[in-house]
Amino acid sequence: MKAAYIEKFGGPEVLTYGDLPDPVAGSGQVVVGTAAASINAADWKVCAGEYGGTPRFPMILGRDFSGVVGTVGPGVHDLKAGDEVFGVLEAGRDGTYCTKIAVGAAIVAKKPAGMSHVEAAALALTGLTALCSIEDCLKLKPGETILIQGGAGGVASFAIQVARHIGARVVTTASAANRDYLRALGADEVIDYNTTDFTTAVKDCDAVFDTVGGDVATRSFAVLKPGGRAAFIASGAQAPKPARADVTSLRPAVGRDRPHLERILELRRIGAVRAPHVVEYRLAQAADALAVSAARHLKGKLVLTM
């Protein structure tokens, strides 16, 4: 199979495009012929070795995908060859920048015929992360105010739509160039982070969802009202500790399961969410796409097509 992989840690330039052995479906697995795989912020961090652990090279990057079931392993009865599916690999596992993947059948979902593989890949991990953060972790309620940091990114742009669907007032940070895009997604207020300090522009928020990290994350506690809560996905495995005792700091658990993927499809079916802005690259251009992601100034999602 064709794959984009690394044989050592480094920047996007260490990514190699070439051939690797085909996977085989084990018990409870299916092998999916991948049509599209999205690029996530975690990918360039994995490439750089930021997650630690003992590496096993060659290492294929990527966590979410869309494609067609090719073979079915023992014990799989609810999927068959030819089914179009999408999903996210098991937690702690990478390997979707390739033309074939073996994955647990129980954690993938059938892709609707009216949804393209590119859209499905773009929605998979972003949607899963946003739902687990906004609905499950923050438990956002109608009428509450939430600040979503880095609104133009894939996860944040999905989160804006989910929060709006719930009935919350949505404030987000972004560059001025993305203001109209985010207002169209449902943001009530867009703060230009290049000209305005968000801590002076918003206050008394019920919740914060941070996708940026660094000092943006730690300063986000300042906009919360007493009893407010904040969820962080760009600050490592542990949420940052607040300097004040009257707020709650949370690190969402982003599990892999079919019900959450089907929740994404339901929100899309009723028109509550739409796919983010997508820029497509061919698998052979994975290093170029990863470099764009690592620069951290993109709108929406980057998707590799096979």
C-alpha atoms as a PDB file:
ATOM      1  CA  MET A   1       0.000   0.000   0.000  1.00  0.00           C
ATOM      2  CA  LYS A   2       1.028   3.643  -0.400  1.00  0.00           C
ATOM      3  CA  ALA A   3       1.688   5.557   2.815  1.00  0.00           C
ATOM      4  CA  ALA A   4       3.131   8.773   4.229  1.00  0.00           C
ATOM      5  CA  TYR A   5       5.305   7.825   7.193  1.00  0.00           C
ATOM      6  CA  ILE A   6       8.314   8.812   9.295  1.00  0.00           C
ATOM      7  CA  GLU A   7      11.434   6.865  10.212  1.00  0.00           C
ATOM      8  CA  LYS A   8      12.668   9.444  12.709  1.00  0.00           C
ATOM      9  CA  PHE A   9      11.186  12.369  14.610  1.00  0.00           C
ATOM     10  CA  GLY A  10      11.435  15.876  13.201  1.00  0.00           C
ATOM     11  CA  GLY A  11       9.579  18.523  11.236  1.00  0.00           C
ATOM     12  CA  PRO A  12       7.233  17.865   8.310  1.00  0.00           C
ATOM     13  CA  GLU A  13      10.266  17.407   6.062  1.00  0.00           C
ATOM     14  CA  VAL A  14      10.961  13.951   7.587  1.00  0.00           C
ATOM     15  CA  LEU A  15       7.690  12.618   6.199  1.00  0.00           C
ATOM     16  CA  THR A  16       8.311  10.031   3.465  1.00  0.00           C
ATOM     17  CA  TYR A  17       5.902   8.866   0.764  1.00  0.00           C
ATOM     18  CA  GLY A  18       6.348   5.276  -0.305  1.00  0.00           C
ATOM     19  CA  ASP A  19       5.245   1.647  -0.015  1.00  0.00           C
ATOM     20  CA  LEU A  20       4.571  -0.326   3.161  1.00  0.00           C
ATOM     21  CA  PRO A  21       3.015  -3.798   3.700  1.00  0.00           C
ATOM     22  CA  ASP A  22      -0.760  -4.141   3.495  1.00  0.00           C
ATOM     23  CA  PRO A  23      -2.579  -4.638   6.831  1.00  0.00           C
ATOM     24  CA  VAL A  24      -4.596  -7.771   7.622  1.00  0.00           C
ATOM     25  CA  ALA A  25      -7.952  -7.777   9.427  1.00  0.00           C
ATOM     26  CA  GLY A  26      -7.686  -9.356  12.871  1.00  0.00           C
ATOM     27  CA  SER A  27     -10.528 -10.520  15.061  1.00  0.00           C
ATOM     28  CA  GLY A  28     -13.172  -7.821  15.324  1.00  0.00           C
ATOM     29  CA  GLN A  29     -11.479  -5.684  12.670  1.00  0.00           C
ATOM     30  CA  VAL A  30     -12.121  -4.565   9.128  1.00  0.00           C
ATOM     31  CA  VAL A  31      -9.586  -3.448   6.536  1.00  0.00           C
ATOM     32  CA  VAL A  32     -10.706  -0.179   4.957  1.00  0.00           C
ATOM     33  CA  GLY A  33      -9.507   1.050   1.597  1.00  0.00           C
ATOM     34  CA  THR A  34      -8.916   4.671   2.550  1.00  0.00           C
ATOM     35  CA  ALA A  35     -10.333   7.376   0.283  1.00  0.00           C
ATOM     36  CA  ALA A  36      -9.510  10.353   2.509  1.00  0.00           C
ATOM     37  CA  ALA A  37      -7.746  11.137   5.782  1.00  0.00           C
ATOM     38  CA  SER A  38      -7.728  14.450   7.585  1.00  0.00           C
ATOM     39  CA  ILE A  39      -4.778  16.242   9.153  1.00  0.00           C
ATOM     40  CA  ASN A  40      -5.077  17.191  12.819  1.00  0.00           C
ATOM     41  CA  ALA A  41      -2.897  19.283  15.115  1.00  0.00           C
ATOM     42  CA  ALA A  42      -1.846  16.109  16.908  1.00  0.00           C
ATOM     43  CA  ASP A  43      -0.166  14.839  13.730  1.00  0.00           C
ATOM     44  CA  TRP A  44       2.692  17.331  13.596  1.00  0.00           C
ATOM     45  CA  LYS A  45       3.191  16.889  17.332  1.00  0.00           C
ATOM     46  CA  VAL A  46       3.491  13.126  16.838  1.00  0.00           C
ATOM     47  CA  CYS A  47       5.902  13.764  13.970  1.00  0.00           C
ATOM     48  CA  ALA A  48       8.052  15.944  16.233  1.00  0.00           C
ATOM     49  CA  GLY A  49       8.095  13.326  19.012  1.00  0.00           C
ATOM     50  CA  GLU A  50       6.236  15.535  21.475  1.00  0.00           C
ATOM     51  CA  TYR A  51       4.142  12.701  22.890  1.00  0.00           C
ATOM     52  CA  GLY A  52       7.077  10.646  24.137  1.00  0.00           C
ATOM     53  CA  GLY A  53       6.877   6.891  24.521  1.00  0.00           C
ATOM     54  CA  THR A  54       8.887   4.286  22.636  1.00  0.00           C
ATOM     55  CA  PRO A  55       8.554   4.893  18.890  1.00  0.00           C
ATOM     56  CA  ARG A  56       8.092   2.077  16.406  1.00  0.00           C
ATOM     57  CA  PHE A  57       9.363   3.108  13.011  1.00  0.00           C
ATOM     58  CA  PRO A  58       8.278   3.312  10.288  1.00  0.00           C
ATOM     59  CA  MET A  59       5.362   5.228  11.805  1.00  0.00           C
ATOM     60  CA  ILE A  60       2.351   6.255   9.727  1.00  0.00           C
ATOM     61  CA  LEU A  61       0.707   9.485  10.875  1.00  0.00           C
ATOM     62  CA  GLY A  62      -2.999  10.319  11.000  1.00  0.00           C
ATOM     63  CA  ARG A  63      -6.002   9.476  13.149  1.00  0.00           C
ATOM     64  CA  ASP A  64      -9.236   9.781  11.157  1.00  0.00           C
ATOM     65  CA  PHE A  65     -10.372   8.541   7.773  1.00  0.00           C
ATOM     66  CA  SER A  66     -13.165   7.660   5.376  1.00  0.00           C
ATOM     67  CA  GLY A  67     -13.200   4.810   2.908  1.00  0.00           C
ATOM     68  CA  VAL A  68     -14.651   1.486   1.800  1.00  0.00           C
ATOM     69  CA  VAL A  69     -14.523  -1.832   3.679  1.00  0.00           C
ATOM     70  CA  GLY A  70     -12.366  -4.280   1.746  1.00  0.00           C
ATOM     71  CA  THR A  71     -12.117  -7.326   4.022  1.00  0.00           C
ATOM     72  CA  VAL A  72     -13.846  -8.315   7.250  1.00  0.00           C
ATOM     73  CA  GLY A  73     -12.142 -10.129  10.101  1.00  0.00           C
ATOM     74  CA  PRO A  74     -13.531 -12.892  12.337  1.00  0.00           C
ATOM     75  CA  GLY A  75     -16.350 -11.824  14.640  1.00  0.00           C
ATOM     76  CA  VAL A  76     -17.555  -8.886  12.552  1.00  0.00           C
ATOM     77  CA  HIS A  77     -21.216  -9.244  11.573  1.00  0.00           C
ATOM     78  CA  ASP A  78     -22.513  -5.685  11.176  1.00  0.00           C
ATOM     79  CA  LEU A  79     -20.227  -4.588   8.338  1.00  0.00           C
ATOM     80  CA  LYS A  80     -19.424  -6.168   4.986  1.00  0.00           C
ATOM     81  CA  ALA A  81     -17.113  -5.626   2.057  1.00  0.00           C
ATOM     82  CA  GLY A  82     -18.247  -2.630   0.038  1.00  0.00           C
ATOM     83  CA  ASP A  83     -19.678  -0.658   2.972  1.00  0.00           C
ATOM     84  CA  GLU A  84     -18.620   2.985   3.014  1.00  0.00           C
ATOM     85  CA  VAL A  85     -17.444   3.904   6.509  1.00  0.00           C
ATOM     86  CA  PHE A  86     -15.641   6.642   8.416  1.00  0.00           C
ATOM     87  CA  GLY A  87     -14.139   6.960  11.849  1.00  0.00           C
ATOM     88  CA  VAL A  88     -11.167   7.552  14.118  1.00  0.00           C
ATOM     89  CA  LEU A  89      -8.485   5.026  15.042  1.00  0.00           C
ATOM     90  CA  GLU A  90      -8.301   3.588  18.549  1.00  0.00           C
ATOM     91  CA  ALA A  91      -7.037   5.994  21.237  1.00  0.00           C
ATOM     92  CA  GLY A  92      -3.261   6.250  21.280  1.00  0.00           C
ATOM     93  CA  ARG A  93      -2.917   4.905  17.750  1.00  0.00           C
ATOM     94  CA  ASP A  94      -1.863   6.655  14.547  1.00  0.00           C
ATOM     95  CA  GLY A  95      -1.870   5.402  10.981  1.00  0.00           C
ATOM     96  CA  THR A  96      -4.376   6.819   8.468  1.00  0.00           C
ATOM     97  CA  TYR A  97      -2.018   8.550   6.007  1.00  0.00           C
ATOM     98  CA  CYS A  98      -2.164   5.438   3.831  1.00  0.00           C
ATOM     99  CA  THR A  99      -4.368   3.611   1.357  1.00  0.00           C
ATOM    100  CA  LYS A 100      -5.381   0.725   3.655  1.00  0.00           C
ATOM    101  CA  ILE A 101      -5.989   0.516   7.405  1.00  0.00           C
ATOM    102  CA  ALA A 102      -7.091  -2.214   9.811  1.00  0.00           C
ATOM    103  CA  VAL A 103      -9.405  -0.854  12.512  1.00  0.00           C
ATOM    104  CA  GLY A 104     -11.873  -2.152  15.082  1.00  0.00           C
ATOM    105  CA  ALA A 105     -15.264  -2.523  13.428  1.00  0.00           C
ATOM    106  CA  ALA A 106     -17.131  -1.418  16.550  1.00  0.00           C
ATOM    107  CA  ILE A 107     -15.671   2.106  16.462  1.00  0.00           C
ATOM    108  CA  VAL A 108     -16.438   2.993  12.832  1.00  0.00           C
ATOM    109  CA  ALA A 109     -19.762   4.132  11.418  1.00  0.00           C
ATOM    110  CA  LYS A 110     -21.404   3.821   8.022  1.00  0.00           C
ATOM    111  CA  LYS A 111     -21.021   6.921   5.885  1.00  0.00           C
ATOM    112  CA  PRO A 112     -24.230   8.243   4.291  1.00  0.00           C
ATOM    113  CA  ALA A 113     -24.312   8.013   0.512  1.00  0.00           C
ATOM    114  CA  GLY A 114     -24.841  11.771   0.240  1.00  0.00           C
ATOM    115  CA  MET A 115     -21.689  12.627   2.172  1.00  0.00           C
ATOM    116  CA  SER A 116     -18.349  12.676   0.384  1.00  0.00           C
ATOM    117  CA  HIS A 117     -15.334  10.847   1.781  1.00  0.00           C
ATOM    118  CA  VAL A 118     -13.539  14.191   2.115  1.00  0.00           C
ATOM    119  CA  GLU A 119     -16.360  15.655   4.211  1.00  0.00           C
ATOM    120  CA  ALA A 120     -16.583  12.532   6.382  1.00  0.00           C
ATOM    121  CA  ALA A 121     -12.844  12.572   7.086  1.00  0.00           C
ATOM    122  CA  ALA A 122     -12.988  16.288   7.870  1.00  0.00           C
ATOM    123  CA  LEU A 123     -15.796  15.764  10.379  1.00  0.00           C
ATOM    124  CA  ALA A 124     -14.578  12.609  12.144  1.00  0.00           C
ATOM    125  CA  LEU A 125     -12.037  13.574  14.819  1.00  0.00           C
ATOM    126  CA  THR A 126     -13.027  17.241  14.853  1.00  0.00           C
ATOM    127  CA  GLY A 127     -16.654  16.344  15.471  1.00  0.00           C
ATOM    128  CA  LEU A 128     -15.803  13.674  18.014  1.00  0.00           C
ATOM    129  CA  THR A 129     -13.558  16.064  19.958  1.00  0.00           C
ATOM    130  CA  ALA A 130     -16.049  18.923  19.857  1.00  0.00           C
ATOM    131  CA  LEU A 131     -18.977  16.780  20.982  1.00  0.00           C
ATOM    132  CA  CYS A 132     -17.031  15.192  23.841  1.00  0.00           C
ATOM    133  CA  SER A 133     -15.872  18.649  24.946  1.00  0.00           C
ATOM    134  CA  ILE A 134     -19.032  20.729  24.569  1.00  0.00           C
ATOM    135  CA  GLU A 135     -21.767  18.205  25.347  1.00  0.00           C
ATOM    136  CA  ASP A 136     -20.109  15.584  27.552  1.00  0.00           C
ATOM    137  CA  CYS A 137     -17.405  17.527  29.422  1.00  0.00           C
ATOM    138  CA  LEU A 138     -18.610  21.132  29.705  1.00  0.00           C
ATOM    139  CA  LYS A 139     -22.283  20.076  29.609  1.00  0.00           C
ATOM    140  CA  LEU A 140     -23.145  23.390  28.003  1.00  0.00           C
ATOM    141  CA  LYS A 141     -26.727  24.565  28.574  1.00  0.00           C
ATOM    142  CA  PRO A 142     -29.130  26.833  26.668  1.00  0.00           C
ATOM    143  CA  GLY A 143     -28.693  30.480  27.572  1.00  0.00           C
ATOM    144  CA  GLU A 144     -25.107  30.131  28.791  1.00  0.00           C
ATOM    145  CA  THR A 145     -22.208  32.119  27.329  1.00  0.00           C
ATOM    146  CA  ILE A 146     -19.147  30.273  26.058  1.00  0.00           C
ATOM    147  CA  LEU A 147     -15.817  31.597  24.781  1.00  0.00           C
ATOM    148  CA  ILE A 148     -14.298  29.307  22.147  1.00  0.00           C
ATOM    149  CA  GLN A 149     -10.615  30.027  21.554  1.00  0.00           C
ATOM    150  CA  GLY A 150      -9.229  29.711  18.009  1.00  0.00           C
ATOM    151  CA  GLY A 151     -12.609  29.601  16.288  1.00  0.00           C
ATOM    152  CA  ALA A 152     -11.417  29.101  12.701  1.00  0.00           C
ATOM    153  CA  GLY A 153      -9.785  25.729  13.412  1.00  0.00           C
ATOM    154  CA  GLY A 154     -11.524  22.461  12.606  1.00  0.00           C
ATOM    155  CA  VAL A 155     -12.510  21.440  16.152  1.00  0.00           C
ATOM    156  CA  ALA A 156     -13.392  24.962  17.247  1.00  0.00           C
ATOM    157  CA  SER A 157     -15.526  25.689  14.180  1.00  0.00           C
ATOM    158  CA  PHE A 158     -17.506  22.496  14.826  1.00  0.00           C
ATOM    159  CA  ALA A 159     -17.795  23.424  18.514  1.00  0.00           C
ATOM    160  CA  ILE A 160     -19.234  26.833  17.583  1.00  0.00           C
ATOM    161  CA  GLN A 161     -22.015  25.129  15.655  1.00  0.00           C
ATOM    162  CA  VAL A 162     -22.747  22.644  18.452  1.00  0.00           C
ATOM    163  CA  ALA A 163     -22.858  25.408  21.058  1.00  0.00           C
ATOM    164  CA  ARG A 164     -25.172  27.477  18.870  1.00  0.00           C
ATOM    165  CA  HIS A 165     -27.438  24.454  18.341  1.00  0.00           C
ATOM    166  CA  ILE A 166     -27.646  23.965  22.113  1.00  0.00           C
ATOM    167  CA  GLY A 167     -28.798  27.578  22.440  1.00  0.00           C
ATOM    168  CA  ALA A 168     -25.733  29.162  24.028  1.00  0.00           C
ATOM    169  CA  ARG A 169     -24.325  32.605  23.276  1.00  0.00           C
ATOM    170  CA  VAL A 170     -21.043  32.006  21.434  1.00  0.00           C
ATOM    171  CA  VAL A 171     -18.011  34.294  21.575  1.00  0.00           C
ATOM    172  CA  THR A 172     -14.867  33.254  19.714  1.00  0.00           C
ATOM    173  CA  THR A 173     -11.360  34.505  18.931  1.00  0.00           C
ATOM    174  CA  ALA A 174      -9.923  34.579  15.422  1.00  0.00           C
ATOM    175  CA  SER A 175      -8.182  36.840  12.939  1.00  0.00           C
ATOM    176  CA  ALA A 176     -10.262  39.553  11.283  1.00  0.00           C
ATOM    177  CA  ALA A 177     -10.082  37.654   7.986  1.00  0.00           C
ATOM    178  CA  ASN A 178     -12.195  34.850   9.457  1.00  0.00           C
ATOM    179  CA  ARG A 179     -14.876  37.023  11.043  1.00  0.00           C
ATOM    180  CA  ASP A 180     -17.538  36.514   8.364  1.00  0.00           C
ATOM    181  CA  TYR A 181     -16.823  32.777   8.169  1.00  0.00           C
ATOM    182  CA  LEU A 182     -17.354  32.354  11.912  1.00  0.00           C
ATOM    183  CA  ARG A 183     -20.427  34.570  12.049  1.00  0.00           C
ATOM    184  CA  ALA A 184     -21.932  32.373   9.335  1.00  0.00           C
ATOM    185  CA  LEU A 185     -21.251  29.321  11.519  1.00  0.00           C
ATOM    186  CA  GLY A 186     -23.197  30.888  14.371  1.00  0.00           C
ATOM    187  CA  ALA A 187     -20.738  32.904  16.464  1.00  0.00           C
ATOM    188  CA  ASP A 188     -22.445  35.875  18.117  1.00  0.00           C
ATOM    189  CA  GLU A 189     -19.203  37.783  18.611  1.00  0.00           C
ATOM    190  CA  VAL A 190     -15.763  37.415  17.021  1.00  0.00           C
ATOM    191  CA  ILE A 191     -12.779  38.965  18.821  1.00  0.00           C
ATOM    192  CA  ASP A 192      -9.761  39.763  16.634  1.00  0.00           C
ATOM    193  CA  TYR A 193      -6.840  38.368  18.609  1.00  0.00           C
ATOM    194  CA  ASN A 194      -4.400  40.505  16.626  1.00  0.00           C
ATOM    195  CA  THR A 195      -5.860  43.785  17.888  1.00  0.00           C
ATOM    196  CA  THR A 196      -7.838  42.969  21.030  1.00  0.00           C
ATOM    197  CA  ASP A 197      -7.016  41.293  24.343  1.00  0.00           C
ATOM    198  CA  PHE A 198      -9.880  38.891  24.870  1.00  0.00           C
ATOM    199  CA  THR A 199      -9.629  39.284  28.655  1.00  0.00           C
ATOM    200  CA  THR A 200     -10.747  42.913  28.276  1.00  0.00           C
ATOM    201  CA  ALA A 201     -13.393  42.215  25.630  1.00  0.00           C
ATOM    202  CA  VAL A 202     -15.411  39.500  27.357  1.00  0.00           C
ATOM    203  CA  LYS A 203     -16.250  38.605  30.945  1.00  0.00           C
ATOM    204  CA  ASP A 204     -18.648  36.532  33.046  1.00  0.00           C
ATOM    205  CA  CYS A 205     -18.574  33.514  30.741  1.00  0.00           C
ATOM    206  CA  ASP A 206     -20.145  30.306  31.955  1.00  0.00           C
ATOM    207  CA  ALA A 207     -17.667  28.209  29.985  1.00  0.00           C
ATOM    208  CA  VAL A 208     -14.486  28.356  27.921  1.00  0.00           C
ATOM    209  CA  PHE A 209     -13.342  25.852  25.323  1.00  0.00           C
ATOM    210  CA  ASP A 210      -9.663  26.328  24.471  1.00  0.00           C
ATOM    211  CA  THR A 211      -8.100  24.841  21.336  1.00  0.00           C
ATOM    212  CA  VAL A 212      -5.005  27.083  21.286  1.00  0.00           C
ATOM    213  CA  GLY A 213      -2.949  26.307  24.406  1.00  0.00           C
ATOM    214  CA  GLY A 214      -0.024  28.248  25.865  1.00  0.00           C
ATOM    215  CA  ASP A 215      -0.734  31.542  27.579  1.00  0.00           C
ATOM    216  CA  VAL A 216      -4.111  31.766  25.820  1.00  0.00           C
ATOM    217  CA  ALA A 217      -5.177  28.770  27.877  1.00  0.00           C
ATOM    218  CA  THR A 218      -3.988  30.090  31.226  1.00  0.00           C
ATOM    219  CA  ARG A 219      -5.408  33.566  30.619  1.00  0.00           C
ATOM    220  CA  SER A 220      -8.788  32.080  29.729  1.00  0.00           C
ATOM    221  CA  PHE A 221      -9.663  31.579  33.395  1.00  0.00           C
ATOM    222  CA  ALA A 222      -9.927  35.357  33.755  1.00  0.00           C
ATOM    223  CA  VAL A 223     -13.119  35.567  31.670  1.00  0.00           C
ATOM    224  CA  LEU A 224     -15.055  32.993  33.702  1.00  0.00           C
ATOM    225  CA  LYS A 225     -17.720  33.930  36.190  1.00  0.00           C
ATOM    226  CA  PRO A 226     -17.517  32.310  39.653  1.00  0.00           C
ATOM    227  CA  GLY A 227     -18.490  28.665  39.247  1.00  0.00           C
ATOM    228  CA  GLY A 228     -17.514  28.665  35.573  1.00  0.00           C
ATOM    229  CA  ARG A 229     -15.696  25.805  33.890  1.00  0.00           C
ATOM    230  CA  ALA A 230     -13.095  25.554  31.145  1.00  0.00           C
ATOM    231  CA  ALA A 231     -12.098  22.647  28.916  1.00  0.00           C
ATOM    232  CA  PHE A 232      -8.657  22.393  27.271  1.00  0.00           C
ATOM    233  CA  ILE A 233      -7.500  20.188  24.389  1.00  0.00           C
ATOM    234  CA  ALA A 234      -4.210  21.915  23.492  1.00  0.00           C
ATOM    235  CA  SER A 235      -2.455  21.885  26.870  1.00  0.00           C
ATOM    236  CA  GLY A 236      -1.301  18.287  27.042  1.00  0.00           C
ATOM    237  CA  ALA A 237      -2.810  15.364  28.909  1.00  0.00           C
ATOM    238  CA  GLN A 238      -3.660  17.455  31.962  1.00  0.00           C
ATOM    239  CA  ALA A 239      -5.713  20.640  32.087  1.00  0.00           C
ATOM    240  CA  PRO A 240      -3.839  23.737  33.331  1.00  0.00           C
ATOM    241  CA  LYS A 241      -4.350  24.686  36.970  1.00  0.00           C
ATOM    242  CA  PRO A 242      -6.296  27.903  37.521  1.00  0.00           C
ATOM    243  CA  ALA A 243      -4.937  30.636  39.774  1.00  0.00           C
ATOM    244  CA  ARG A 244      -8.412  31.043  41.244  1.00  0.00           C
ATOM    245  CA  ALA A 245     -10.337  28.503  43.310  1.00  0.00           C
ATOM    246  CA  ASP A 246     -13.867  29.339  42.126  1.00  0.00           C
ATOM    247  CA  VAL A 247     -13.618  27.798  38.633  1.00  0.00           C
ATOM    248  CA  THR A 248     -13.176  24.273  37.263  1.00  0.00           C
ATOM    249  CA  SER A 249     -10.461  23.209  34.808  1.00  0.00           C
ATOM    250  CA  LEU A 250     -11.195  20.128  32.687  1.00  0.00           C
ATOM    251  CA  ARG A 251      -9.436  17.910  30.141  1.00  0.00           C
ATOM    252  CA  PRO A 252     -12.100  16.255  27.933  1.00  0.00           C
ATOM    253  CA  ALA A 253     -11.912  12.506  27.431  1.00  0.00           C
ATOM    254  CA  VAL A 254     -12.266  11.888  23.710  1.00  0.00           C
ATOM    255  CA  GLY A 255     -13.287   8.264  23.386  1.00  0.00           C
ATOM    256  CA  ARG A 256     -13.716   6.348  20.147  1.00  0.00           C
ATOM    257  CA  ASP A 257     -17.164   4.901  19.581  1.00  0.00           C
ATOM    258  CA  ARG A 258     -19.866   4.556  16.956  1.00  0.00           C
ATOM    259  CA  PRO A 259     -22.611   6.429  18.887  1.00  0.00           C
ATOM    260  CA  HIS A 260     -20.639   9.692  18.844  1.00  0.00           C
ATOM    261  CA  LEU A 261     -19.953   9.327  15.114  1.00  0.00           C
ATOM    262  CA  GLU A 262     -23.652   8.743  14.535  1.00  0.00           C
ATOM    263  CA  ARG A 263     -24.387  11.839  16.620  1.00  0.00           C
ATOM    264  CA  ILE A 264     -22.230  13.822  14.167  1.00  0.00           C
ATOM    265  CA  LEU A 265     -24.287  12.436  11.295  1.00  0.00           C
ATOM    266  CA  GLU A 266     -27.563  13.314  13.021  1.00  0.00           C
ATOM    267  CA  LEU A 267     -26.464  16.912  13.652  1.00  0.00           C
ATOM    268  CA  ARG A 268     -25.464  17.179  10.014  1.00  0.00           C
ATOM    269  CA  ARG A 269     -28.768  15.623   8.852  1.00  0.00           C
ATOM    270  CA  ILE A 270     -30.851  18.212  10.692  1.00  0.00           C
ATOM    271  CA  GLY A 271     -28.649  21.054   9.467  1.00  0.00           C
ATOM    272  CA  ALA A 272     -27.179  21.934  12.877  1.00  0.00           C
ATOM    273  CA  VAL A 273     -23.602  21.516  11.642  1.00  0.00           C
ATOM    274  CA  ARG A 274     -21.804  21.535   8.340  1.00  0.00           C
ATOM    275  CA  ALA A 275     -18.380  20.456   7.230  1.00  0.00           C
ATOM    276  CA  PRO A 276     -15.582  22.960   7.838  1.00  0.00           C
ATOM    277  CA  HIS A 277     -13.793  24.762   5.049  1.00  0.00           C
ATOM    278  CA  VAL A 278     -11.538  22.100   3.479  1.00  0.00           C
ATOM    279  CA  VAL A 279      -8.291  22.330   1.536  1.00  0.00           C
ATOM    280  CA  GLU A 280      -7.359  19.083  -0.207  1.00  0.00           C
ATOM    281  CA  TYR A 281      -3.900  17.605  -0.771  1.00  0.00           C
ATOM    282  CA  ARG A 282      -2.894  14.339  -2.385  1.00  0.00           C
ATOM    283  CA  LEU A 283      -1.322  11.714  -0.119  1.00  0.00           C
ATOM    284  CA  ALA A 284       2.001  12.261  -1.890  1.00  0.00           C
ATOM    285  CA  GLN A 285       1.828  15.917  -0.732  1.00  0.00           C
ATOM    286  CA  ALA A 286       1.396  14.998   2.937  1.00  0.00           C
ATOM    287  CA  ALA A 287       4.621  16.736   4.007  1.00  0.00           C
ATOM    288  CA  ASP A 288       3.442  20.023   2.469  1.00  0.00           C
ATOM    289  CA  ALA A 289       0.044  19.723   4.155  1.00  0.00           C
ATOM    290  CA  LEU A 290       1.623  18.908   7.518  1.00  0.00           C
ATOM    291  CA  ALA A 291       3.789  22.023   7.272  1.00  0.00           C
ATOM    292  CA  VAL A 292       0.675  24.153   6.768  1.00  0.00           C
ATOM    293  CA  SER A 293      -0.934  22.539   9.815  1.00  0.00           C
ATOM    294  CA  ALA A 294       2.172  23.072  11.953  1.00  0.00           C
ATOM    295  CA  ALA A 295       2.108  26.796  11.135  1.00  0.00           C
ATOM    296  CA  ARG A 296      -1.250  26.915  12.989  1.00  0.00           C
ATOM    297  CA  HIS A 297      -2.913  29.672  10.958  1.00  0.00           C
ATOM    298  CA  LEU A 298      -5.266  27.669   8.760  1.00  0.00           C
ATOM    299  CA  LYS A 299      -9.031  27.935   8.393  1.00  0.00           C
ATOM    300  CA  GLY A 300     -11.019  24.734   8.701  1.00  0.00           C
ATOM    301  CA  LYS A 301      -9.409  21.431   7.770  1.00  0.00           C
ATOM    302  CA  LEU A 302      -6.714  19.929   5.571  1.00  0.00           C
ATOM    303  CA  VAL A 303      -7.669  16.591   4.014  1.00  0.00           C
ATOM    304  CA  LEU A 304      -5.482  14.082   2.195  1.00  0.00           C
ATOM    305  CA  THR A 305      -7.053  12.240  -0.731  1.00  0.00           C
ATOM    306  CA  MET A 306      -5.679   8.897  -1.843  1.00  0.00           C
END
